[in-house]
Amino acid sequence: MDWQIFHYNKVTSTNDVALTQSRISDGKFVIVADTQTAGRGRRGRAWQSLEGNLFFSAGLPYPIQQCGALVMLCSLSLLQTIKSLCPTADVQLKWPNDVLLNGAKVSGMLLEKGEKNYMIVGIGVNISQCPNNMQLLYPTTSLTAAGIQTDCHTFLDLFLQIFDKNLAANDTSAIRQQWLENAKGLNKPVTVHQERGNIKGIFISIDENANLVLNTENGLQKIMVGDVFYG
């Protein structure tokens, strides 16, 4: 692999360190930490960085106009990593970028613009612990709770191998199709929670930029941001 990996004991956020690293790097790199003191999730939320879990940020040159494709690539690669560890695992993708294991969230990510032409993908994977569900929007789980035995180093190494293979294929259409084949709630009713209100409809697809496509009472609608709930 051609990733430069930097390991830290403690950081505020791996995305913070990755942003700084993107100013001086000219290739792919990973920032991984044992502890985050101010981990971030989507839409300004905090990410609970529990001991024994995996926190890392991947930085790579990538066109910002295709950031939706990068989201699909990363979340599909995470699903495939878990499947490689346990082929019988019940793993699905939750729009826009969460990975579900036995119907509960096991991984999430935060995409941010780095310096120069870099995109930064911050990823958290619940390896051994999961946050208190009472404090969260959606149920959570861990690989350990699902009986999948691994460690942070093994998981990260396997993920990077799978990600590189998918990246090298350079086939956004195939990635999108595989993403949809593993999506939870496809062709079923969903509700998307947004700051300005909720949108209900049938989840029929995602487009090439990873926008959610709903069939609503007002016709087809593309959604860029929101939290999906099923039923």
Protein backbone atom coordinates (compact mmCIF):
# COMPACT_ATOMS: atom_id res chain seq x y z
CA MET A 1 0.00 0.00 0.00
CA ASP A 2 1.16 3.54 -0.69
CA TRP A 3 -0.38 5.11 2.40
CA GLN A 4 1.78 7.06 4.82
CA ILE A 5 0.44 6.26 8.29
CA PHE A 6 0.88 8.55 11.30
CA HIS A 7 -0.08 7.17 14.71
CA TYR A 8 -0.83 9.37 17.73
CA ASN A 9 -1.70 8.51 21.31
CA LYS A 10 -4.05 11.47 21.76
CA VAL A 11 -5.39 14.20 19.45
CA THR A 12 -8.28 16.65 19.51
CA SER A 13 -9.59 15.13 16.29
CA THR A 14 -7.85 13.06 13.62
CA ASN A 15 -9.48 15.35 11.04
CA ASP A 16 -7.77 18.35 12.67
CA VAL A 17 -4.36 16.69 12.33
CA ALA A 18 -5.17 15.52 8.80
CA LEU A 19 -6.01 19.06 7.76
CA THR A 20 -2.56 20.20 8.86
CA GLN A 21 -0.91 17.21 7.20
CA SER A 22 -2.65 17.95 3.89
CA ARG A 23 -0.69 21.20 3.65
CA ILE A 24 2.60 19.35 3.28
CA SER A 25 1.70 15.94 1.82
CA ASP A 26 1.82 14.94 -1.82
CA GLY A 27 0.36 11.43 -1.48
CA LYS A 28 -2.20 9.44 0.46
CA PHE A 29 -1.92 9.45 4.24
CA VAL A 30 -3.76 8.22 7.34
CA ILE A 31 -3.94 9.84 10.76
CA VAL A 32 -4.89 7.30 13.44
CA ALA A 33 -5.19 7.95 17.17
CA ASP A 34 -5.81 5.94 20.32
CA THR A 35 -7.86 8.78 21.82
CA GLN A 36 -9.73 11.83 20.55
CA THR A 37 -10.65 14.60 22.96
CA ALA A 38 -12.94 16.45 20.53
CA GLY A 39 -14.03 13.99 17.85
CA ARG A 40 -16.53 15.36 15.36
CA GLY A 41 -19.47 13.81 13.54
CA ARG A 42 -21.78 15.07 10.82
CA ARG A 43 -23.76 18.30 11.17
CA GLY A 44 -21.70 19.60 14.07
CA ARG A 45 -22.31 16.64 16.37
CA ALA A 46 -19.70 15.23 18.74
CA TRP A 47 -18.29 11.75 18.15
CA GLN A 48 -17.85 9.74 21.32
CA SER A 49 -14.32 8.33 21.18
CA LEU A 50 -14.45 5.28 23.45
CA GLU A 51 -11.34 3.33 24.40
CA GLY A 52 -10.55 0.41 22.13
CA ASN A 53 -12.40 1.79 19.12
CA LEU A 54 -10.87 2.91 15.84
CA PHE A 55 -10.55 6.60 14.96
CA PHE A 56 -8.73 7.62 11.80
CA SER A 57 -8.73 10.13 8.97
CA ALA A 58 -7.69 9.31 5.44
CA GLY A 59 -6.34 12.14 3.32
CA LEU A 60 -6.00 11.87 -0.43
CA PRO A 61 -6.05 14.05 -3.53
CA TYR A 62 -9.62 13.87 -4.82
CA PRO A 63 -11.83 16.22 -6.87
CA ILE A 64 -14.20 18.06 -4.54
CA GLN A 65 -16.82 17.98 -7.30
CA GLN A 66 -16.91 14.19 -6.85
CA CYS A 67 -17.04 14.11 -3.06
CA GLY A 68 -20.34 12.21 -3.17
CA ALA A 69 -18.59 9.37 -5.00
CA LEU A 70 -15.92 9.35 -2.29
CA VAL A 71 -18.60 8.97 0.39
CA MET A 72 -20.06 5.96 -1.43
CA LEU A 73 -16.58 4.50 -1.93
CA CYS A 74 -15.66 4.78 1.75
CA SER A 75 -18.91 3.47 3.22
CA LEU A 76 -19.04 0.54 0.79
CA SER A 77 -15.41 -0.30 1.63
CA LEU A 78 -16.27 -0.29 5.34
CA LEU A 79 -19.15 -2.70 4.71
CA GLN A 80 -16.90 -4.96 2.66
CA THR A 81 -14.27 -4.90 5.41
CA ILE A 82 -16.77 -6.17 7.98
CA LYS A 83 -17.99 -8.78 5.50
CA SER A 84 -14.40 -9.94 4.99
CA LEU A 85 -14.06 -10.45 8.73
CA CYS A 86 -17.45 -12.18 9.01
CA PRO A 87 -19.11 -13.21 5.72
CA THR A 88 -22.39 -14.02 7.46
CA ALA A 89 -22.69 -10.63 9.18
CA ASP A 90 -25.89 -8.64 8.64
CA VAL A 91 -24.36 -5.40 7.35
CA GLN A 92 -26.18 -2.59 5.55
CA LEU A 93 -25.56 0.99 4.49
CA LYS A 94 -27.60 3.89 5.90
CA TRP A 95 -27.67 7.07 3.85
CA PRO A 96 -25.58 9.12 3.65
CA ASN A 97 -22.56 7.32 5.08
CA ASP A 98 -23.28 5.14 8.12
CA VAL A 99 -22.70 1.39 8.31
CA LEU A 100 -25.26 -0.71 10.17
CA LEU A 101 -24.54 -4.06 11.81
CA ASN A 102 -27.59 -6.07 12.89
CA GLY A 103 -29.63 -2.92 12.28
CA ALA A 104 -27.54 -0.68 14.56
CA LYS A 105 -24.86 1.88 13.73
CA VAL A 106 -21.31 0.50 13.93
CA SER A 107 -19.48 3.14 11.90
CA GLY A 108 -19.81 6.72 10.73
CA MET A 109 -17.77 9.28 8.86
CA LEU A 110 -17.18 12.97 8.33
CA LEU A 111 -15.97 14.33 4.99
CA GLU A 112 -14.13 17.65 5.00
CA LYS A 113 -12.12 19.68 2.50
CA GLY A 114 -8.38 19.63 3.15
CA GLU A 115 -5.69 21.95 1.82
CA LYS A 116 -4.71 22.02 -1.86
CA ASN A 117 -6.65 19.29 -3.70
CA TYR A 118 -7.09 17.04 -0.66
CA MET A 119 -10.25 15.56 0.76
CA ILE A 120 -10.22 14.36 4.37
CA VAL A 121 -12.41 11.41 5.39
CA GLY A 122 -12.72 10.97 9.14
CA ILE A 123 -13.98 7.52 10.11
CA GLY A 124 -14.96 6.01 13.44
CA VAL A 125 -15.57 2.29 13.90
CA ASN A 126 -16.97 0.78 17.08
CA ILE A 127 -14.56 -2.10 17.49
CA SER A 128 -14.99 -3.00 21.17
CA GLN A 129 -17.51 -0.53 22.60
CA CYS A 130 -20.51 1.53 21.54
CA PRO A 131 -21.90 4.78 22.95
CA ASN A 132 -24.92 4.93 25.21
CA ASN A 133 -27.92 4.62 22.87
CA MET A 134 -30.04 6.84 25.10
CA GLN A 135 -27.97 9.86 24.03
CA LEU A 136 -28.12 9.20 20.30
CA LEU A 137 -30.49 9.51 17.36
CA TYR A 138 -30.03 5.91 16.26
CA PRO A 139 -29.19 2.59 17.99
CA THR A 140 -25.49 1.67 18.08
CA THR A 141 -23.48 -1.52 18.36
CA SER A 142 -19.88 -2.74 18.15
CA LEU A 143 -18.10 -5.51 16.30
CA THR A 144 -17.39 -7.22 19.62
CA ALA A 145 -21.07 -7.12 20.60
CA ALA A 146 -21.88 -8.83 17.30
CA GLY A 147 -19.30 -11.56 17.95
CA ILE A 148 -16.78 -10.28 15.38
CA GLN A 149 -13.29 -10.47 16.83
CA THR A 150 -10.68 -8.06 15.46
CA ASP A 151 -8.51 -5.14 16.56
CA CYS A 152 -7.96 -1.60 15.34
CA HIS A 153 -4.74 -2.36 13.45
CA THR A 154 -6.17 -5.38 11.63
CA PHE A 155 -9.37 -3.56 10.69
CA LEU A 156 -7.58 -0.47 9.40
CA ASP A 157 -5.11 -2.50 7.33
CA LEU A 158 -7.91 -4.52 5.75
CA PHE A 159 -10.02 -1.41 5.07
CA LEU A 160 -7.16 0.34 3.27
CA GLN A 161 -6.57 -2.71 1.08
CA ILE A 162 -10.25 -2.86 0.09
CA PHE A 163 -10.51 0.90 -0.36
CA ASP A 164 -7.45 0.93 -2.65
CA LYS A 165 -8.92 -1.85 -4.77
CA ASN A 166 -12.21 0.02 -5.15
CA LEU A 167 -10.43 3.30 -5.85
CA ALA A 168 -8.21 1.75 -8.51
CA ALA A 169 -11.24 0.32 -10.32
CA ASN A 170 -12.32 3.94 -10.97
CA ASP A 171 -15.91 2.88 -11.63
CA THR A 172 -18.36 5.18 -9.86
CA SER A 173 -21.34 3.53 -11.56
CA ALA A 174 -20.37 0.10 -10.17
CA ILE A 175 -19.74 1.53 -6.69
CA ARG A 176 -23.14 3.23 -6.73
CA GLN A 177 -24.84 0.00 -7.81
CA GLN A 178 -23.12 -2.01 -5.06
CA TRP A 179 -24.01 0.71 -2.55
CA LEU A 180 -27.68 0.46 -3.50
CA GLU A 181 -27.62 -3.34 -3.33
CA ASN A 182 -26.58 -3.02 0.33
CA ALA A 183 -28.76 -0.03 1.27
CA LYS A 184 -31.26 -0.30 4.11
CA GLY A 185 -34.80 0.78 3.26
CA LEU A 186 -34.50 0.85 -0.52
CA ASN A 187 -37.94 1.08 -2.17
CA LYS A 188 -39.56 1.54 1.25
CA PRO A 189 -40.97 4.56 3.14
CA VAL A 190 -38.47 6.75 4.97
CA THR A 191 -38.54 10.07 6.79
CA VAL A 192 -35.65 12.49 6.41
CA HIS A 193 -35.17 14.84 9.34
CA GLN A 194 -33.79 18.25 8.37
CA GLU A 195 -33.39 21.50 10.25
CA ARG A 196 -36.28 23.05 8.33
CA GLY A 197 -38.58 20.07 8.81
CA ASN A 198 -39.20 16.46 7.81
CA ILE A 199 -39.59 15.01 4.34
CA LYS A 200 -41.42 11.71 3.79
CA GLY A 201 -41.29 9.51 0.73
CA ILE A 202 -40.18 6.25 -0.84
CA PHE A 203 -36.40 5.81 -0.97
CA ILE A 204 -35.90 4.89 -4.61
CA SER A 205 -32.21 5.58 -5.28
CA ILE A 206 -29.13 7.72 -4.81
CA ASP A 207 -27.69 9.70 -7.70
CA GLU A 208 -24.08 9.82 -8.90
CA ASN A 209 -23.31 12.50 -6.30
CA ALA A 210 -24.76 10.34 -3.49
CA ASN A 211 -27.83 12.56 -3.08
CA LEU A 212 -30.87 10.71 -1.75
CA VAL A 213 -33.70 10.37 -4.27
CA LEU A 214 -37.20 10.19 -2.77
CA ASN A 215 -40.55 9.72 -4.43
CA THR A 216 -42.71 12.13 -2.41
CA GLU A 217 -46.31 13.27 -2.72
CA ASN A 218 -44.91 16.24 -4.65
CA GLY A 219 -42.89 14.06 -7.04
CA LEU A 220 -39.22 13.09 -7.13
CA GLN A 221 -37.00 15.01 -4.75
CA LYS A 222 -33.22 14.97 -4.33
CA ILE A 223 -31.88 15.49 -0.81
CA MET A 224 -28.31 16.46 0.01
CA VAL A 225 -28.41 16.63 3.82
CA GLY A 226 -30.48 14.95 6.52
CA ASP A 227 -30.97 12.05 8.89
CA VAL A 228 -32.92 9.06 7.60
CA PHE A 229 -35.42 7.15 9.74
CA TYR A 230 -37.22 4.07 8.46
CA GLY A 231 -40.91 3.22 8.35
